[in-house]
């Protein structure tokens, strides 16, 4: 019964989320149509312009979501590894954070799109007899941007996770170890649940920063929001109106994420006071 109830609730939540998603971007497209009409764009091209910017916004938000989830996993692993006493775990994690935080995201995106295929092509060719397509067909601009953004935000998440874990008093470790718990059990059942309340706000802030940083993917011709706007400008020669529309969409998206951040912080605080 519990499993059935969970599946029903999860299914209903997914349906509501899907409806909200479609309605949200349909609303953005409707507002864009009104805006381009009010600013005297060619009437026959207004629907196409509004639709293209909507598609760019959808690609931006989808890329942000999957990159942030992957970056969260990378950050959690690297953050815990940086605190390990074993150099085999600690040193690679430190090197990863050092390299990624010390190089520009733009360079990382260009590297993932232009250089990474050449680096992995020799190994990729070994697997092509099993039917794999050429690496250039797989590592498209979208997935190159995904790799670069995930790796980048993962490094910053690692520092947040490390700081959150270190903020927990050492007495918590000692008390748990005195009860006979193993280090993995201490981390899972004692440290991580307390650290979550500390790291959630900065982690969500990293997601907001990632949303804006995804605009750099336009340099590898990914048809996200900024690149769609640039294509419009090349057709209309009206950069002011187009960039205002692009900036407004980013502002809407970041505002929605900010509301989510505020709600999450309040929920975490409420749970903390009632626990």
C-alpha atoms as a PDB file:
ATOM      1  CA  UNK A   1       0.000   0.000   0.000  1.00  0.00           C
ATOM      2  CA  UNK A   2       2.803   2.400   0.805  1.00  0.00           C
ATOM      3  CA  UNK A   3       4.446   1.738  -2.552  1.00  0.00           C
ATOM      4  CA  UNK A   4       1.147   2.264  -4.355  1.00  0.00           C
ATOM      5  CA  UNK A   5       0.522   5.504  -2.472  1.00  0.00           C
ATOM      6  CA  UNK A   6       4.022   6.706  -3.287  1.00  0.00           C
ATOM      7  CA  UNK A   7       3.590   5.913  -6.981  1.00  0.00           C
ATOM      8  CA  UNK A   8       0.256   7.745  -7.094  1.00  0.00           C
ATOM      9  CA  UNK A   9       1.683  10.827  -5.384  1.00  0.00           C
ATOM     10  CA  UNK A  10       4.806  10.768  -7.574  1.00  0.00           C
ATOM     11  CA  UNK A  11       2.722  10.372 -10.724  1.00  0.00           C
ATOM     12  CA  UNK A  12       0.424  13.230  -9.749  1.00  0.00           C
ATOM     13  CA  UNK A  13       3.424  15.429  -8.965  1.00  0.00           C
ATOM     14  CA  UNK A  14       4.978  14.690 -12.358  1.00  0.00           C
ATOM     15  CA  UNK A  15       1.722  15.528 -14.131  1.00  0.00           C
ATOM     16  CA  UNK A  16       1.407  18.827 -12.267  1.00  0.00           C
ATOM     17  CA  UNK A  17       5.062  19.610 -12.974  1.00  0.00           C
ATOM     18  CA  UNK A  18       4.644  18.856 -16.684  1.00  0.00           C
ATOM     19  CA  UNK A  19       1.540  21.066 -16.908  1.00  0.00           C
ATOM     20  CA  UNK A  20       3.305  23.879 -15.052  1.00  0.00           C
ATOM     21  CA  UNK A  21       6.327  23.548 -17.348  1.00  0.00           C
ATOM     22  CA  UNK A  22       4.262  23.780 -20.532  1.00  0.00           C
ATOM     23  CA  UNK A  23       2.143  26.635 -19.180  1.00  0.00           C
ATOM     24  CA  UNK A  24       5.222  28.567 -18.015  1.00  0.00           C
ATOM     25  CA  UNK A  25       6.982  28.523 -21.383  1.00  0.00           C
ATOM     26  CA  UNK A  26       3.735  29.063 -23.271  1.00  0.00           C
ATOM     27  CA  UNK A  27       3.268  32.190 -21.156  1.00  0.00           C
ATOM     28  CA  UNK A  28       6.784  33.354 -21.997  1.00  0.00           C
ATOM     29  CA  UNK A  29       6.095  32.874 -25.700  1.00  0.00           C
ATOM     30  CA  UNK A  30       2.823  34.808 -25.446  1.00  0.00           C
ATOM     31  CA  UNK A  31       4.545  37.712 -23.689  1.00  0.00           C
ATOM     32  CA  UNK A  32       7.304  37.709 -26.325  1.00  0.00           C
ATOM     33  CA  UNK A  33       4.725  37.915 -29.107  1.00  0.00           C
ATOM     34  CA  UNK A  34       3.137  40.918 -27.443  1.00  0.00           C
ATOM     35  CA  UNK A  35       6.523  42.540 -26.880  1.00  0.00           C
ATOM     36  CA  UNK A  36       7.755  42.107 -30.458  1.00  0.00           C
ATOM     37  CA  UNK A  37       4.431  43.340 -31.812  1.00  0.00           C
ATOM     38  CA  UNK A  38       4.525  46.384 -29.520  1.00  0.00           C
ATOM     39  CA  UNK A  39       8.070  47.206 -30.640  1.00  0.00           C
ATOM     40  CA  UNK A  40       7.035  47.128 -34.324  1.00  0.00           C
ATOM     41  CA  UNK A  41       8.798  43.972 -35.493  1.00  0.00           C
ATOM     42  CA  UNK A  42       7.594  42.534 -38.813  1.00  0.00           C
ATOM     43  CA  UNK A  43       4.218  41.020 -38.018  1.00  0.00           C
ATOM     44  CA  UNK A  44       4.768  37.884 -40.101  1.00  0.00           C
ATOM     45  CA  UNK A  45       8.016  37.100 -38.272  1.00  0.00           C
ATOM     46  CA  UNK A  46       6.832  37.776 -34.718  1.00  0.00           C
ATOM     47  CA  UNK A  47       5.483  34.240 -34.070  1.00  0.00           C
ATOM     48  CA  UNK A  48       8.719  32.685 -35.331  1.00  0.00           C
ATOM     49  CA  UNK A  49      10.905  35.020 -33.256  1.00  0.00           C
ATOM     50  CA  UNK A  50       8.903  34.396 -30.098  1.00  0.00           C
ATOM     51  CA  UNK A  51       8.923  30.645 -30.646  1.00  0.00           C
ATOM     52  CA  UNK A  52      12.687  30.551 -31.248  1.00  0.00           C
ATOM     53  CA  UNK A  53      13.421  32.459 -28.060  1.00  0.00           C
ATOM     54  CA  UNK A  54      11.104  30.125 -26.187  1.00  0.00           C
ATOM     55  CA  UNK A  55      13.016  27.113 -27.541  1.00  0.00           C
ATOM     56  CA  UNK A  56      16.268  28.776 -26.526  1.00  0.00           C
ATOM     57  CA  UNK A  57      14.934  29.324 -23.011  1.00  0.00           C
ATOM     58  CA  UNK A  58      13.857  25.680 -22.791  1.00  0.00           C
ATOM     59  CA  UNK A  59      17.288  24.459 -23.884  1.00  0.00           C
ATOM     60  CA  UNK A  60      18.871  26.777 -21.316  1.00  0.00           C
ATOM     61  CA  UNK A  61      16.753  25.510 -18.426  1.00  0.00           C
ATOM     62  CA  UNK A  62      17.121  21.844 -19.421  1.00  0.00           C
ATOM     63  CA  UNK A  63      20.892  22.218 -19.725  1.00  0.00           C
ATOM     64  CA  UNK A  64      20.989  23.938 -16.342  1.00  0.00           C
ATOM     65  CA  UNK A  65      18.969  21.212 -14.631  1.00  0.00           C
ATOM     66  CA  UNK A  66      20.921  18.204 -15.910  1.00  0.00           C
ATOM     67  CA  UNK A  67      24.263  19.957 -15.448  1.00  0.00           C
ATOM     68  CA  UNK A  68      23.417  20.998 -11.891  1.00  0.00           C
ATOM     69  CA  UNK A  69      22.318  17.467 -10.947  1.00  0.00           C
ATOM     70  CA  UNK A  70      25.490  15.953 -12.396  1.00  0.00           C
ATOM     71  CA  UNK A  71      27.570  18.702 -10.809  1.00  0.00           C
ATOM     72  CA  UNK A  72      25.933  17.978  -7.461  1.00  0.00           C
ATOM     73  CA  UNK A  73      27.015  14.341  -7.668  1.00  0.00           C
ATOM     74  CA  UNK A  74      30.540  15.336  -8.709  1.00  0.00           C
ATOM     75  CA  UNK A  75      30.728  17.935  -5.950  1.00  0.00           C
ATOM     76  CA  UNK A  76      29.576  15.502  -3.298  1.00  0.00           C
ATOM     77  CA  UNK A  77      32.159  12.903  -4.338  1.00  0.00           C
ATOM     78  CA  UNK A  78      34.997  15.409  -4.713  1.00  0.00           C
ATOM     79  CA  UNK A  79      34.107  17.277  -1.518  1.00  0.00           C
ATOM     80  CA  UNK A  80      34.174  14.114   0.573  1.00  0.00           C
ATOM     81  CA  UNK A  81      37.323  12.895  -1.215  1.00  0.00           C
ATOM     82  CA  UNK A  82      39.111  16.141  -0.338  1.00  0.00           C
ATOM     83  CA  UNK A  83      38.599  15.323   3.352  1.00  0.00           C
ATOM     84  CA  UNK A  84      39.850  11.758   2.998  1.00  0.00           C
ATOM     85  CA  UNK A  85      42.993  10.697   4.809  1.00  0.00           C
ATOM     86  CA  UNK A  86      43.892   8.529   1.827  1.00  0.00           C
ATOM     87  CA  UNK A  87      46.065  10.449  -0.683  1.00  0.00           C
ATOM     88  CA  UNK A  88      44.705   8.294  -3.527  1.00  0.00           C
ATOM     89  CA  UNK A  89      41.336   9.989  -3.004  1.00  0.00           C
ATOM     90  CA  UNK A  90      42.426  13.384  -1.664  1.00  0.00           C
ATOM     91  CA  UNK A  91      45.039  14.379  -4.245  1.00  0.00           C
ATOM     92  CA  UNK A  92      42.958  13.742  -7.405  1.00  0.00           C
ATOM     93  CA  UNK A  93      40.068  15.669  -5.845  1.00  0.00           C
ATOM     94  CA  UNK A  94      42.348  18.581  -4.949  1.00  0.00           C
ATOM     95  CA  UNK A  95      43.823  18.583  -8.452  1.00  0.00           C
ATOM     96  CA  UNK A  96      40.347  18.567 -10.011  1.00  0.00           C
ATOM     97  CA  UNK A  97      39.159  21.516  -7.917  1.00  0.00           C
ATOM     98  CA  UNK A  98      42.410  23.417  -8.476  1.00  0.00           C
ATOM     99  CA  UNK A  99      42.332  23.066 -12.264  1.00  0.00           C
ATOM    100  CA  UNK A 100      38.641  23.802 -12.765  1.00  0.00           C
ATOM    101  CA  UNK A 101      38.467  26.775 -10.401  1.00  0.00           C
ATOM    102  CA  UNK A 102      41.675  28.190 -11.851  1.00  0.00           C
ATOM    103  CA  UNK A 103      40.604  28.201 -15.506  1.00  0.00           C
ATOM    104  CA  UNK A 104      37.797  30.169 -17.202  1.00  0.00           C
ATOM    105  CA  UNK A 105      34.539  28.398 -17.957  1.00  0.00           C
ATOM    106  CA  UNK A 106      34.701  29.682 -21.529  1.00  0.00           C
ATOM    107  CA  UNK A 107      38.000  27.856 -22.057  1.00  0.00           C
ATOM    108  CA  UNK A 108      36.517  24.695 -20.544  1.00  0.00           C
ATOM    109  CA  UNK A 109      33.545  24.823 -22.926  1.00  0.00           C
ATOM    110  CA  UNK A 110      35.812  25.323 -25.944  1.00  0.00           C
ATOM    111  CA  UNK A 111      38.061  22.502 -24.734  1.00  0.00           C
ATOM    112  CA  UNK A 112      35.121  20.115 -24.300  1.00  0.00           C
ATOM    113  CA  UNK A 113      33.835  20.841 -27.804  1.00  0.00           C
ATOM    114  CA  UNK A 114      37.041  21.223 -29.823  1.00  0.00           C
ATOM    115  CA  UNK A 115      39.760  19.278 -27.986  1.00  0.00           C
ATOM    116  CA  UNK A 116      37.977  16.518 -26.084  1.00  0.00           C
ATOM    117  CA  UNK A 117      36.882  14.609 -29.230  1.00  0.00           C
ATOM    118  CA  UNK A 118      40.511  14.341 -30.371  1.00  0.00           C
ATOM    119  CA  UNK A 119      41.614  13.076 -26.960  1.00  0.00           C
ATOM    120  CA  UNK A 120      39.047  10.293 -26.688  1.00  0.00           C
ATOM    121  CA  UNK A 121      38.844   9.408 -30.387  1.00  0.00           C
ATOM    122  CA  UNK A 122      41.551   6.661 -30.225  1.00  0.00           C
ATOM    123  CA  UNK A 123      39.672   4.821 -27.480  1.00  0.00           C
ATOM    124  CA  UNK A 124      36.332   5.538 -29.144  1.00  0.00           C
ATOM    125  CA  UNK A 125      37.459   3.885 -32.378  1.00  0.00           C
ATOM    126  CA  UNK A 126      38.133   0.672 -30.491  1.00  0.00           C
ATOM    127  CA  UNK A 127      34.424   0.501 -29.603  1.00  0.00           C
ATOM    128  CA  UNK A 128      33.097   1.480 -33.032  1.00  0.00           C
ATOM    129  CA  UNK A 129      32.982  -2.148 -34.288  1.00  0.00           C
ATOM    130  CA  UNK A 130      30.089  -2.595 -31.823  1.00  0.00           C
ATOM    131  CA  UNK A 131      28.062  -0.014 -33.709  1.00  0.00           C
ATOM    132  CA  UNK A 132      28.959   3.247 -31.992  1.00  0.00           C
ATOM    133  CA  UNK A 133      28.676   6.353 -34.192  1.00  0.00           C
ATOM    134  CA  UNK A 134      31.678   8.681 -34.716  1.00  0.00           C
ATOM    135  CA  UNK A 135      32.615  10.728 -31.678  1.00  0.00           C
ATOM    136  CA  UNK A 136      31.818  13.970 -33.537  1.00  0.00           C
ATOM    137  CA  UNK A 137      28.206  12.805 -33.913  1.00  0.00           C
ATOM    138  CA  UNK A 138      27.950  12.066 -30.188  1.00  0.00           C
ATOM    139  CA  UNK A 139      29.772  15.026 -28.680  1.00  0.00           C
ATOM    140  CA  UNK A 140      27.394  17.644 -30.087  1.00  0.00           C
ATOM    141  CA  UNK A 141      27.425  21.252 -28.827  1.00  0.00           C
ATOM    142  CA  UNK A 142      24.706  20.375 -26.325  1.00  0.00           C
ATOM    143  CA  UNK A 143      26.610  17.498 -24.724  1.00  0.00           C
ATOM    144  CA  UNK A 144      29.924  19.339 -24.863  1.00  0.00           C
ATOM    145  CA  UNK A 145      28.309  22.213 -22.962  1.00  0.00           C
ATOM    146  CA  UNK A 146      26.785  19.713 -20.537  1.00  0.00           C
ATOM    147  CA  UNK A 147      30.189  18.174 -19.787  1.00  0.00           C
ATOM    148  CA  UNK A 148      31.892  21.535 -19.299  1.00  0.00           C
ATOM    149  CA  UNK A 149      29.136  23.023 -17.129  1.00  0.00           C
ATOM    150  CA  UNK A 150      28.807  19.875 -15.012  1.00  0.00           C
ATOM    151  CA  UNK A 151      32.535  19.630 -14.358  1.00  0.00           C
ATOM    152  CA  UNK A 152      32.744  23.353 -13.619  1.00  0.00           C
ATOM    153  CA  UNK A 153      29.889  23.574 -11.138  1.00  0.00           C
ATOM    154  CA  UNK A 154      31.012  20.281  -9.597  1.00  0.00           C
ATOM    155  CA  UNK A 155      34.294  21.867  -8.531  1.00  0.00           C
ATOM    156  CA  UNK A 156      32.520  24.754  -6.814  1.00  0.00           C
ATOM    157  CA  UNK A 157      30.025  22.376  -5.223  1.00  0.00           C
ATOM    158  CA  UNK A 158      32.946  20.337  -3.893  1.00  0.00           C
ATOM    159  CA  UNK A 159      34.207  23.341  -1.936  1.00  0.00           C
ATOM    160  CA  UNK A 160      30.720  23.980  -0.561  1.00  0.00           C
ATOM    161  CA  UNK A 161      30.364  20.347   0.526  1.00  0.00           C
ATOM    162  CA  UNK A 162      33.824  20.331   2.084  1.00  0.00           C
ATOM    163  CA  UNK A 163      33.122  23.514   4.027  1.00  0.00           C
ATOM    164  CA  UNK A 164      29.745  22.207   5.163  1.00  0.00           C
ATOM    165  CA  UNK A 165      31.201  18.960   6.469  1.00  0.00           C
ATOM    166  CA  UNK A 166      34.040  20.764   8.226  1.00  0.00           C
ATOM    167  CA  UNK A 167      31.486  23.024   9.909  1.00  0.00           C
ATOM    168  CA  UNK A 168      30.152  20.046  11.870  1.00  0.00           C
ATOM    169  CA  UNK A 169      31.813  19.802  15.280  1.00  0.00           C
ATOM    170  CA  UNK A 170      34.435  17.075  15.648  1.00  0.00           C
ATOM    171  CA  UNK A 171      32.594  15.922  18.747  1.00  0.00           C
ATOM    172  CA  UNK A 172      29.901  14.529  16.444  1.00  0.00           C
ATOM    173  CA  UNK A 173      32.481  12.243  14.858  1.00  0.00           C
ATOM    174  CA  UNK A 174      33.903  11.185  18.198  1.00  0.00           C
ATOM    175  CA  UNK A 175      30.489  10.458  19.701  1.00  0.00           C
ATOM    176  CA  UNK A 176      29.418   8.381  16.696  1.00  0.00           C
ATOM    177  CA  UNK A 177      32.690   6.468  16.595  1.00  0.00           C
ATOM    178  CA  UNK A 178      32.395   5.727  20.315  1.00  0.00           C
ATOM    179  CA  UNK A 179      29.075   4.028  19.579  1.00  0.00           C
ATOM    180  CA  UNK A 180      30.841   1.616  17.251  1.00  0.00           C
ATOM    181  CA  UNK A 181      29.859   3.214  13.949  1.00  0.00           C
ATOM    182  CA  UNK A 182      32.181   2.924  10.988  1.00  0.00           C
ATOM    183  CA  UNK A 183      33.456   6.080   9.207  1.00  0.00           C
ATOM    184  CA  UNK A 184      31.079   5.516   6.289  1.00  0.00           C
ATOM    185  CA  UNK A 185      28.143   5.142   8.678  1.00  0.00           C
ATOM    186  CA  UNK A 186      29.165   8.258  10.584  1.00  0.00           C
ATOM    187  CA  UNK A 187      29.285  10.232   7.332  1.00  0.00           C
ATOM    188  CA  UNK A 188      25.958   8.879   6.090  1.00  0.00           C
ATOM    189  CA  UNK A 189      23.839   8.956   9.233  1.00  0.00           C
ATOM    190  CA  UNK A 190      25.389  11.708  11.351  1.00  0.00           C
ATOM    191  CA  UNK A 191      27.483  14.208   9.389  1.00  0.00           C
ATOM    192  CA  UNK A 192      25.736  14.480   6.005  1.00  0.00           C
ATOM    193  CA  UNK A 193      22.197  15.038   7.421  1.00  0.00           C
ATOM    194  CA  UNK A 194      23.509  17.954   9.487  1.00  0.00           C
ATOM    195  CA  UNK A 195      25.712  19.330   6.700  1.00  0.00           C
ATOM    196  CA  UNK A 196      22.793  19.392   4.250  1.00  0.00           C
ATOM    197  CA  UNK A 197      21.176  22.263   6.162  1.00  0.00           C
ATOM    198  CA  UNK A 198      24.395  24.247   5.785  1.00  0.00           C
ATOM    199  CA  UNK A 199      25.206  23.507   2.152  1.00  0.00           C
ATOM    200  CA  UNK A 200      21.766  23.686   0.522  1.00  0.00           C
ATOM    201  CA  UNK A 201      21.577  27.525   0.173  1.00  0.00           C
ATOM    202  CA  UNK A 202      25.028  27.944  -1.444  1.00  0.00           C
ATOM    203  CA  UNK A 203      24.430  24.898  -3.655  1.00  0.00           C
ATOM    204  CA  UNK A 204      21.201  26.397  -4.976  1.00  0.00           C
ATOM    205  CA  UNK A 205      23.006  29.709  -5.504  1.00  0.00           C
ATOM    206  CA  UNK A 206      25.495  27.795  -7.646  1.00  0.00           C
ATOM    207  CA  UNK A 207      22.564  26.596  -9.753  1.00  0.00           C
ATOM    208  CA  UNK A 208      21.470  30.200 -10.311  1.00  0.00           C
ATOM    209  CA  UNK A 209      25.013  31.123 -11.340  1.00  0.00           C
ATOM    210  CA  UNK A 210      25.085  28.087 -13.634  1.00  0.00           C
ATOM    211  CA  UNK A 211      21.900  29.243 -15.347  1.00  0.00           C
ATOM    212  CA  UNK A 212      23.572  32.521 -16.282  1.00  0.00           C
ATOM    213  CA  UNK A 213      26.904  30.888 -17.138  1.00  0.00           C
ATOM    214  CA  UNK A 214      25.145  28.583 -19.618  1.00  0.00           C
ATOM    215  CA  UNK A 215      24.985  31.579 -21.961  1.00  0.00           C
ATOM    216  CA  UNK A 216      28.683  30.966 -22.705  1.00  0.00           C
ATOM    217  CA  UNK A 217      27.646  27.844 -24.622  1.00  0.00           C
ATOM    218  CA  UNK A 218      26.611  30.170 -27.457  1.00  0.00           C
ATOM    219  CA  UNK A 219      30.279  30.252 -28.547  1.00  0.00           C
ATOM    220  CA  UNK A 220      30.011  26.615 -29.709  1.00  0.00           C
ATOM    221  CA  UNK A 221      26.807  27.368 -31.672  1.00  0.00           C
ATOM    222  CA  UNK A 222      24.452  25.782 -29.157  1.00  0.00           C
ATOM    223  CA  UNK A 223      20.984  27.157 -29.863  1.00  0.00           C
ATOM    224  CA  UNK A 224      20.341  28.288 -26.320  1.00  0.00           C
ATOM    225  CA  UNK A 225      18.813  31.627 -25.366  1.00  0.00           C
ATOM    226  CA  UNK A 226      21.730  33.939 -26.177  1.00  0.00           C
ATOM    227  CA  UNK A 227      22.544  32.296 -29.498  1.00  0.00           C
ATOM    228  CA  UNK A 228      18.901  32.464 -30.552  1.00  0.00           C
ATOM    229  CA  UNK A 229      18.974  36.168 -29.737  1.00  0.00           C
ATOM    230  CA  UNK A 230      22.145  36.665 -31.772  1.00  0.00           C
ATOM    231  CA  UNK A 231      20.524  34.968 -34.757  1.00  0.00           C
ATOM    232  CA  UNK A 232      17.562  37.317 -34.450  1.00  0.00           C
ATOM    233  CA  UNK A 233      19.865  40.337 -34.361  1.00  0.00           C
ATOM    234  CA  UNK A 234      21.628  39.184 -37.543  1.00  0.00           C
ATOM    235  CA  UNK A 235      18.229  39.185 -39.254  1.00  0.00           C
ATOM    236  CA  UNK A 236      16.581  42.282 -37.783  1.00  0.00           C
ATOM    237  CA  UNK A 237      19.601  44.488 -36.911  1.00  0.00           C
ATOM    238  CA  UNK A 238      17.773  45.519 -33.733  1.00  0.00           C
ATOM    239  CA  UNK A 239      20.086  44.525 -30.866  1.00  0.00           C
ATOM    240  CA  UNK A 240      18.498  46.715 -28.199  1.00  0.00           C
ATOM    241  CA  UNK A 241      15.027  45.164 -28.343  1.00  0.00           C
ATOM    242  CA  UNK A 242      16.339  41.612 -28.717  1.00  0.00           C
ATOM    243  CA  UNK A 243      18.840  41.832 -25.863  1.00  0.00           C
ATOM    244  CA  UNK A 244      16.159  43.375 -23.643  1.00  0.00           C
ATOM    245  CA  UNK A 245      13.957  40.355 -24.359  1.00  0.00           C
ATOM    246  CA  UNK A 246      16.820  37.903 -23.694  1.00  0.00           C
ATOM    247  CA  UNK A 247      17.761  39.654 -20.458  1.00  0.00           C
ATOM    248  CA  UNK A 248      14.125  39.679 -19.332  1.00  0.00           C
ATOM    249  CA  UNK A 249      13.841  35.920 -19.867  1.00  0.00           C
ATOM    250  CA  UNK A 250      17.001  35.319 -17.844  1.00  0.00           C
ATOM    251  CA  UNK A 251      15.589  37.569 -15.127  1.00  0.00           C
ATOM    252  CA  UNK A 252      12.345  35.570 -15.056  1.00  0.00           C
ATOM    253  CA  UNK A 253      14.201  32.252 -14.860  1.00  0.00           C
ATOM    254  CA  UNK A 254      16.551  33.419 -12.105  1.00  0.00           C
ATOM    255  CA  UNK A 255      13.627  34.914 -10.181  1.00  0.00           C
ATOM    256  CA  UNK A 256      11.827  31.572 -10.237  1.00  0.00           C
ATOM    257  CA  UNK A 257      14.976  29.848  -8.953  1.00  0.00           C
ATOM    258  CA  UNK A 258      15.364  32.521  -6.284  1.00  0.00           C
ATOM    259  CA  UNK A 259      11.818  31.913  -5.045  1.00  0.00           C
ATOM    260  CA  UNK A 260      12.653  28.214  -4.904  1.00  0.00           C
ATOM    261  CA  UNK A 261      15.818  28.985  -2.939  1.00  0.00           C
ATOM    262  CA  UNK A 262      13.913  31.094  -0.415  1.00  0.00           C
ATOM    263  CA  UNK A 263      11.258  28.408   0.001  1.00  0.00           C
ATOM    264  CA  UNK A 264      13.899  25.724   0.445  1.00  0.00           C
ATOM    265  CA  UNK A 265      15.730  27.731   3.110  1.00  0.00           C
ATOM    266  CA  UNK A 266      12.502  28.331   5.015  1.00  0.00           C
ATOM    267  CA  UNK A 267      11.583  24.644   4.759  1.00  0.00           C
ATOM    268  CA  UNK A 268      15.013  23.573   5.984  1.00  0.00           C
ATOM    269  CA  UNK A 269      14.789  26.019   8.887  1.00  0.00           C
ATOM    270  CA  UNK A 270      11.307  24.807   9.785  1.00  0.00           C
ATOM    271  CA  UNK A 271      12.371  21.193   9.756  1.00  0.00           C
ATOM    272  CA  UNK A 272      15.395  22.092  11.833  1.00  0.00           C
ATOM    273  CA  UNK A 273      13.332  23.798  14.521  1.00  0.00           C
ATOM    274  CA  UNK A 274      10.747  21.025  14.657  1.00  0.00           C
ATOM    275  CA  UNK A 275      13.240  18.163  14.632  1.00  0.00           C
END
